[in-house]
Amino acid sequence: MRRSNFALRLQPSLLDELRKAAEAEGVAVNQLINVAVAEKVSALRTADYFRERGRRADRAETLRILERAGKGNPPLKGDELPEEWQAKPGGQTTGGKDSVSKRGQKKNSAAK
């Protein structure tokens, strides 16, 4: 593995915290920095990957697949929706908190 040096200027307070964190983890400061940078780069690449996948997505095809998913197959034991999520006639749920869209998918107001 090729190694390189890079001068990193940190605020003294951040460097103190970095040293404490490295000591608590039982690793060298350099190792902690390497891991932190690797995690950040990975997160950025992952976000880019999903953004690109989203651009290539075919929304109509996705909705068509979701519309068919599970049709004619009752839920397996343990997969049933909680009773309070069961739809009443007219699209209302028993709790009044959720609504059912045209496709029959739940929209949970608590998730917003």
N, C-alpha and C. Protein backbone atom coordinates (compact mmCIF):
# COMPACT_ATOMS: atom_id res chain seq x y z
N MET A 1 0.85 -1.18 0.00
CA MET A 1 0.00 0.00 0.00
C MET A 1 0.89 1.24 0.00
N ARG A 2 0.59 2.15 -0.90
CA ARG A 2 1.35 3.40 -0.97
C ARG A 2 0.89 4.34 0.14
N ARG A 3 1.80 4.98 0.77
CA ARG A 3 1.46 5.91 1.84
C ARG A 3 1.89 7.31 1.43
N SER A 4 1.19 8.29 1.94
CA SER A 4 1.56 9.67 1.67
C SER A 4 1.33 10.50 2.93
N ASN A 5 2.01 11.58 2.99
CA ASN A 5 1.85 12.51 4.11
C ASN A 5 1.01 13.68 3.67
N PHE A 6 0.22 14.19 4.62
CA PHE A 6 -0.62 15.33 4.34
C PHE A 6 -0.65 16.18 5.60
N ALA A 7 -0.30 17.44 5.47
CA ALA A 7 -0.33 18.34 6.62
C ALA A 7 -1.78 18.73 6.90
N LEU A 8 -2.24 18.39 8.05
CA LEU A 8 -3.63 18.67 8.43
C LEU A 8 -3.63 19.67 9.57
N ARG A 9 -4.25 20.80 9.34
CA ARG A 9 -4.34 21.82 10.38
C ARG A 9 -5.71 21.71 11.06
N LEU A 10 -5.68 21.48 12.34
CA LEU A 10 -6.91 21.36 13.12
C LEU A 10 -6.93 22.42 14.21
N GLN A 11 -8.11 22.82 14.58
CA GLN A 11 -8.25 23.70 15.74
C GLN A 11 -7.75 22.94 16.96
N PRO A 12 -7.08 23.61 17.89
CA PRO A 12 -6.56 22.91 19.07
C PRO A 12 -7.63 22.12 19.83
N SER A 13 -8.81 22.68 19.95
CA SER A 13 -9.86 21.98 20.69
C SER A 13 -10.29 20.71 19.96
N LEU A 14 -10.33 20.76 18.62
CA LEU A 14 -10.69 19.57 17.85
C LEU A 14 -9.60 18.52 17.94
N LEU A 15 -8.35 18.95 17.92
CA LEU A 15 -7.24 18.01 18.05
C LEU A 15 -7.28 17.33 19.42
N ASP A 16 -7.60 18.08 20.47
CA ASP A 16 -7.73 17.48 21.81
C ASP A 16 -8.82 16.41 21.82
N GLU A 17 -9.95 16.73 21.21
CA GLU A 17 -11.05 15.76 21.16
C GLU A 17 -10.67 14.54 20.32
N LEU A 18 -9.94 14.78 19.24
CA LEU A 18 -9.48 13.69 18.39
C LEU A 18 -8.56 12.76 19.17
N ARG A 19 -7.67 13.32 19.92
CA ARG A 19 -6.75 12.50 20.73
C ARG A 19 -7.51 11.68 21.77
N LYS A 20 -8.49 12.32 22.42
CA LYS A 20 -9.29 11.61 23.42
C LYS A 20 -10.07 10.46 22.77
N ALA A 21 -10.65 10.73 21.60
CA ALA A 21 -11.43 9.69 20.91
C ALA A 21 -10.54 8.54 20.49
N ALA A 22 -9.35 8.86 19.98
CA ALA A 22 -8.42 7.81 19.55
C ALA A 22 -8.00 6.97 20.74
N GLU A 23 -7.72 7.61 21.85
CA GLU A 23 -7.32 6.87 23.06
C GLU A 23 -8.47 5.97 23.53
N ALA A 24 -9.68 6.50 23.52
CA ALA A 24 -10.83 5.72 23.96
C ALA A 24 -11.06 4.50 23.04
N GLU A 25 -10.76 4.67 21.74
CA GLU A 25 -10.92 3.58 20.79
C GLU A 25 -9.72 2.64 20.78
N GLY A 26 -8.64 3.07 21.40
CA GLY A 26 -7.44 2.23 21.44
C GLY A 26 -6.69 2.20 20.12
N VAL A 27 -6.76 3.29 19.38
CA VAL A 27 -6.07 3.37 18.09
C VAL A 27 -5.24 4.66 18.04
N ALA A 28 -4.34 4.70 17.07
CA ALA A 28 -3.54 5.91 16.87
C ALA A 28 -4.41 7.00 16.24
N VAL A 29 -4.04 8.25 16.48
CA VAL A 29 -4.76 9.38 15.89
C VAL A 29 -4.82 9.22 14.37
N ASN A 30 -3.70 8.86 13.77
CA ASN A 30 -3.64 8.67 12.32
C ASN A 30 -4.67 7.64 11.86
N GLN A 31 -4.77 6.53 12.58
CA GLN A 31 -5.73 5.48 12.22
C GLN A 31 -7.16 5.99 12.33
N LEU A 32 -7.45 6.74 13.38
CA LEU A 32 -8.80 7.27 13.55
C LEU A 32 -9.14 8.24 12.42
N ILE A 33 -8.19 9.06 12.02
CA ILE A 33 -8.42 9.99 10.91
C ILE A 33 -8.66 9.21 9.62
N ASN A 34 -7.86 8.18 9.36
CA ASN A 34 -8.04 7.37 8.16
C ASN A 34 -9.43 6.74 8.11
N VAL A 35 -9.88 6.20 9.23
CA VAL A 35 -11.20 5.57 9.28
C VAL A 35 -12.29 6.62 9.09
N ALA A 36 -12.14 7.77 9.72
CA ALA A 36 -13.15 8.82 9.60
C ALA A 36 -13.25 9.33 8.16
N VAL A 37 -12.13 9.52 7.51
CA VAL A 37 -12.14 9.97 6.11
C VAL A 37 -12.74 8.89 5.22
N ALA A 38 -12.38 7.64 5.45
CA ALA A 38 -12.93 6.54 4.64
C ALA A 38 -14.45 6.46 4.80
N GLU A 39 -14.95 6.63 6.01
CA GLU A 39 -16.39 6.59 6.24
C GLU A 39 -17.09 7.74 5.52
N LYS A 40 -16.52 8.92 5.57
CA LYS A 40 -17.13 10.08 4.93
C LYS A 40 -17.14 9.92 3.41
N VAL A 41 -16.01 9.50 2.84
CA VAL A 41 -15.94 9.28 1.39
C VAL A 41 -16.95 8.22 0.96
N SER A 42 -17.07 7.17 1.73
CA SER A 42 -18.03 6.11 1.43
C SER A 42 -19.46 6.66 1.45
N ALA A 43 -19.78 7.47 2.45
CA ALA A 43 -21.13 8.05 2.54
C ALA A 43 -21.41 8.95 1.34
N LEU A 44 -20.45 9.75 0.93
CA LEU A 44 -20.63 10.62 -0.22
C LEU A 44 -20.82 9.82 -1.50
N ARG A 45 -20.03 8.78 -1.67
CA ARG A 45 -20.16 7.94 -2.87
C ARG A 45 -21.49 7.21 -2.88
N THR A 46 -21.93 6.77 -1.72
CA THR A 46 -23.22 6.08 -1.63
C THR A 46 -24.35 7.02 -2.01
N ALA A 47 -24.31 8.25 -1.52
CA ALA A 47 -25.34 9.23 -1.88
C ALA A 47 -25.34 9.48 -3.38
N ASP A 48 -24.17 9.62 -3.98
CA ASP A 48 -24.07 9.81 -5.43
C ASP A 48 -24.64 8.61 -6.18
N TYR A 49 -24.32 7.41 -5.70
CA TYR A 49 -24.79 6.18 -6.33
C TYR A 49 -26.32 6.14 -6.35
N PHE A 50 -26.95 6.42 -5.21
CA PHE A 50 -28.41 6.36 -5.16
C PHE A 50 -29.06 7.48 -5.96
N ARG A 51 -28.41 8.65 -6.00
CA ARG A 51 -28.92 9.73 -6.83
C ARG A 51 -28.92 9.31 -8.32
N GLU A 52 -27.82 8.71 -8.75
CA GLU A 52 -27.72 8.25 -10.13
C GLU A 52 -28.73 7.15 -10.41
N ARG A 53 -28.89 6.21 -9.48
CA ARG A 53 -29.89 5.15 -9.67
C ARG A 53 -31.29 5.74 -9.76
N GLY A 54 -31.56 6.75 -8.96
CA GLY A 54 -32.86 7.41 -9.00
C GLY A 54 -33.13 8.08 -10.34
N ARG A 55 -32.10 8.65 -10.95
CA ARG A 55 -32.25 9.29 -12.26
C ARG A 55 -32.60 8.27 -13.34
N ARG A 56 -32.10 7.06 -13.19
CA ARG A 56 -32.35 6.02 -14.19
C ARG A 56 -33.65 5.27 -13.94
N ALA A 57 -34.30 5.52 -12.84
CA ALA A 57 -35.50 4.76 -12.46
C ALA A 57 -36.65 5.04 -13.42
N ASP A 58 -37.46 4.04 -13.63
CA ASP A 58 -38.67 4.16 -14.44
C ASP A 58 -39.84 4.12 -13.47
N ARG A 59 -40.34 5.30 -13.12
CA ARG A 59 -41.39 5.41 -12.11
C ARG A 59 -42.65 4.61 -12.49
N ALA A 60 -43.05 4.69 -13.73
CA ALA A 60 -44.27 3.97 -14.15
C ALA A 60 -44.08 2.47 -13.97
N GLU A 61 -42.91 1.96 -14.35
CA GLU A 61 -42.65 0.52 -14.21
C GLU A 61 -42.60 0.13 -12.73
N THR A 62 -41.98 0.97 -11.92
CA THR A 62 -41.92 0.69 -10.48
C THR A 62 -43.32 0.61 -9.88
N LEU A 63 -44.17 1.56 -10.23
CA LEU A 63 -45.54 1.56 -9.71
C LEU A 63 -46.32 0.35 -10.21
N ARG A 64 -46.08 -0.05 -11.47
CA ARG A 64 -46.75 -1.23 -12.02
C ARG A 64 -46.36 -2.48 -11.22
N ILE A 65 -45.08 -2.61 -10.90
CA ILE A 65 -44.61 -3.77 -10.13
C ILE A 65 -45.20 -3.74 -8.73
N LEU A 66 -45.21 -2.58 -8.11
CA LEU A 66 -45.77 -2.48 -6.75
C LEU A 66 -47.27 -2.77 -6.74
N GLU A 67 -47.95 -2.37 -7.80
CA GLU A 67 -49.39 -2.63 -7.89
C GLU A 67 -49.66 -4.13 -7.92
N ARG A 68 -48.80 -4.90 -8.58
CA ARG A 68 -48.97 -6.35 -8.69
C ARG A 68 -48.49 -7.10 -7.47
N ALA A 69 -47.58 -6.52 -6.73
CA ALA A 69 -46.91 -7.23 -5.63
C ALA A 69 -47.93 -7.77 -4.63
N GLY A 70 -47.90 -9.05 -4.45
CA GLY A 70 -48.73 -9.67 -3.44
C GLY A 70 -50.17 -9.91 -3.84
N LYS A 71 -50.57 -9.50 -5.05
CA LYS A 71 -51.97 -9.70 -5.45
C LYS A 71 -52.32 -11.17 -5.43
N GLY A 72 -53.41 -11.50 -4.77
CA GLY A 72 -53.87 -12.87 -4.72
C GLY A 72 -53.17 -13.73 -3.69
N ASN A 73 -52.23 -13.15 -2.97
CA ASN A 73 -51.51 -13.89 -1.93
C ASN A 73 -51.80 -13.27 -0.57
N PRO A 74 -52.55 -13.98 0.26
CA PRO A 74 -52.82 -13.41 1.59
C PRO A 74 -51.52 -13.31 2.39
N PRO A 75 -51.48 -12.44 3.39
CA PRO A 75 -50.27 -12.33 4.21
C PRO A 75 -49.96 -13.64 4.91
N LEU A 76 -48.69 -13.93 5.04
CA LEU A 76 -48.29 -15.11 5.81
C LEU A 76 -48.51 -14.82 7.29
N LYS A 77 -48.60 -15.84 8.09
CA LYS A 77 -48.80 -15.66 9.52
C LYS A 77 -47.70 -14.75 10.08
N GLY A 78 -48.12 -13.70 10.76
CA GLY A 78 -47.17 -12.73 11.33
C GLY A 78 -46.94 -11.52 10.44
N ASP A 79 -47.42 -11.57 9.18
CA ASP A 79 -47.25 -10.45 8.25
C ASP A 79 -48.47 -9.54 8.19
N GLU A 80 -49.50 -9.83 8.95
CA GLU A 80 -50.71 -9.04 8.89
C GLU A 80 -50.44 -7.62 9.39
N LEU A 81 -51.20 -6.67 8.85
CA LEU A 81 -51.10 -5.30 9.34
C LEU A 81 -51.74 -5.22 10.73
N PRO A 82 -51.23 -4.34 11.58
CA PRO A 82 -51.88 -4.16 12.88
C PRO A 82 -53.34 -3.75 12.68
N GLU A 83 -54.18 -4.15 13.58
CA GLU A 83 -55.61 -3.89 13.44
C GLU A 83 -55.91 -2.40 13.25
N GLU A 84 -55.17 -1.55 13.97
CA GLU A 84 -55.43 -0.10 13.85
C GLU A 84 -55.06 0.45 12.47
N TRP A 85 -54.36 -0.33 11.66
CA TRP A 85 -54.01 0.11 10.30
C TRP A 85 -55.02 -0.38 9.26
N GLN A 86 -55.91 -1.28 9.66
CA GLN A 86 -56.86 -1.85 8.71
C GLN A 86 -57.77 -0.74 8.18
N ALA A 87 -57.99 -0.75 6.87
CA ALA A 87 -58.80 0.28 6.22
C ALA A 87 -60.28 0.01 6.45
N LYS A 88 -61.02 1.09 6.70
CA LYS A 88 -62.48 1.03 6.76
C LYS A 88 -63.01 1.34 5.37
N PRO A 89 -64.26 1.04 5.10
CA PRO A 89 -64.84 1.45 3.82
C PRO A 89 -64.70 2.96 3.65
N GLY A 90 -64.38 3.41 2.45
CA GLY A 90 -64.22 4.84 2.20
C GLY A 90 -62.78 5.31 2.35
N GLY A 91 -61.84 4.39 2.62
CA GLY A 91 -60.43 4.76 2.66
C GLY A 91 -59.94 5.25 4.00
N GLN A 92 -60.80 5.34 5.01
CA GLN A 92 -60.37 5.79 6.33
C GLN A 92 -59.87 4.60 7.14
N THR A 93 -58.92 4.85 8.00
CA THR A 93 -58.43 3.81 8.89
C THR A 93 -59.06 4.00 10.25
N THR A 94 -58.97 2.97 11.08
CA THR A 94 -59.64 3.03 12.37
C THR A 94 -59.08 4.11 13.28
N GLY A 95 -57.79 4.40 13.17
CA GLY A 95 -57.19 5.42 14.02
C GLY A 95 -57.40 6.83 13.52
N GLY A 96 -57.79 6.97 12.24
CA GLY A 96 -57.98 8.29 11.68
C GLY A 96 -56.67 8.99 11.37
N LYS A 97 -55.53 8.36 11.67
CA LYS A 97 -54.23 8.99 11.46
C LYS A 97 -53.66 8.67 10.09
N ASP A 98 -54.05 7.55 9.50
CA ASP A 98 -53.51 7.11 8.23
C ASP A 98 -54.58 7.22 7.15
N SER A 99 -54.13 7.36 5.92
CA SER A 99 -55.06 7.31 4.80
C SER A 99 -54.55 6.30 3.79
N VAL A 100 -55.43 5.80 2.96
CA VAL A 100 -55.06 4.80 1.97
C VAL A 100 -55.16 5.47 0.61
N SER A 101 -54.11 5.37 -0.19
CA SER A 101 -54.10 5.95 -1.53
C SER A 101 -54.86 5.05 -2.49
N LYS A 102 -54.96 5.50 -3.75
CA LYS A 102 -55.65 4.73 -4.78
C LYS A 102 -55.05 3.34 -4.93
N ARG A 103 -53.73 3.25 -4.77
CA ARG A 103 -53.06 1.98 -4.96
C ARG A 103 -53.14 1.10 -3.72
N GLY A 104 -53.75 1.59 -2.66
CA GLY A 104 -53.89 0.76 -1.47
C GLY A 104 -52.67 0.81 -0.57
N GLN A 105 -51.74 1.73 -0.82
CA GLN A 105 -50.57 1.84 0.03
C GLN A 105 -50.87 2.76 1.19
N LYS A 106 -50.28 2.46 2.33
CA LYS A 106 -50.49 3.25 3.54
C LYS A 106 -49.63 4.50 3.48
N LYS A 107 -50.18 5.59 3.95
CA LYS A 107 -49.40 6.81 4.15
C LYS A 107 -49.52 7.14 5.63
N ASN A 108 -48.43 7.04 6.33
CA ASN A 108 -48.44 7.26 7.77
C ASN A 108 -48.08 8.69 8.08
N SER A 109 -48.99 9.45 8.65
CA SER A 109 -48.71 10.85 8.96
C SER A 109 -47.63 11.00 10.01
N ALA A 110 -47.42 9.99 10.84
CA ALA A 110 -46.38 10.07 11.87
C ALA A 110 -44.99 10.00 11.26
N ALA A 111 -44.87 9.45 10.05
CA ALA A 111 -43.56 9.31 9.41
C ALA A 111 -43.10 10.61 8.78
N LYS A 112 -43.95 11.60 8.69
CA LYS A 112 -43.57 12.86 8.05
C LYS A 112 -42.82 13.76 8.98
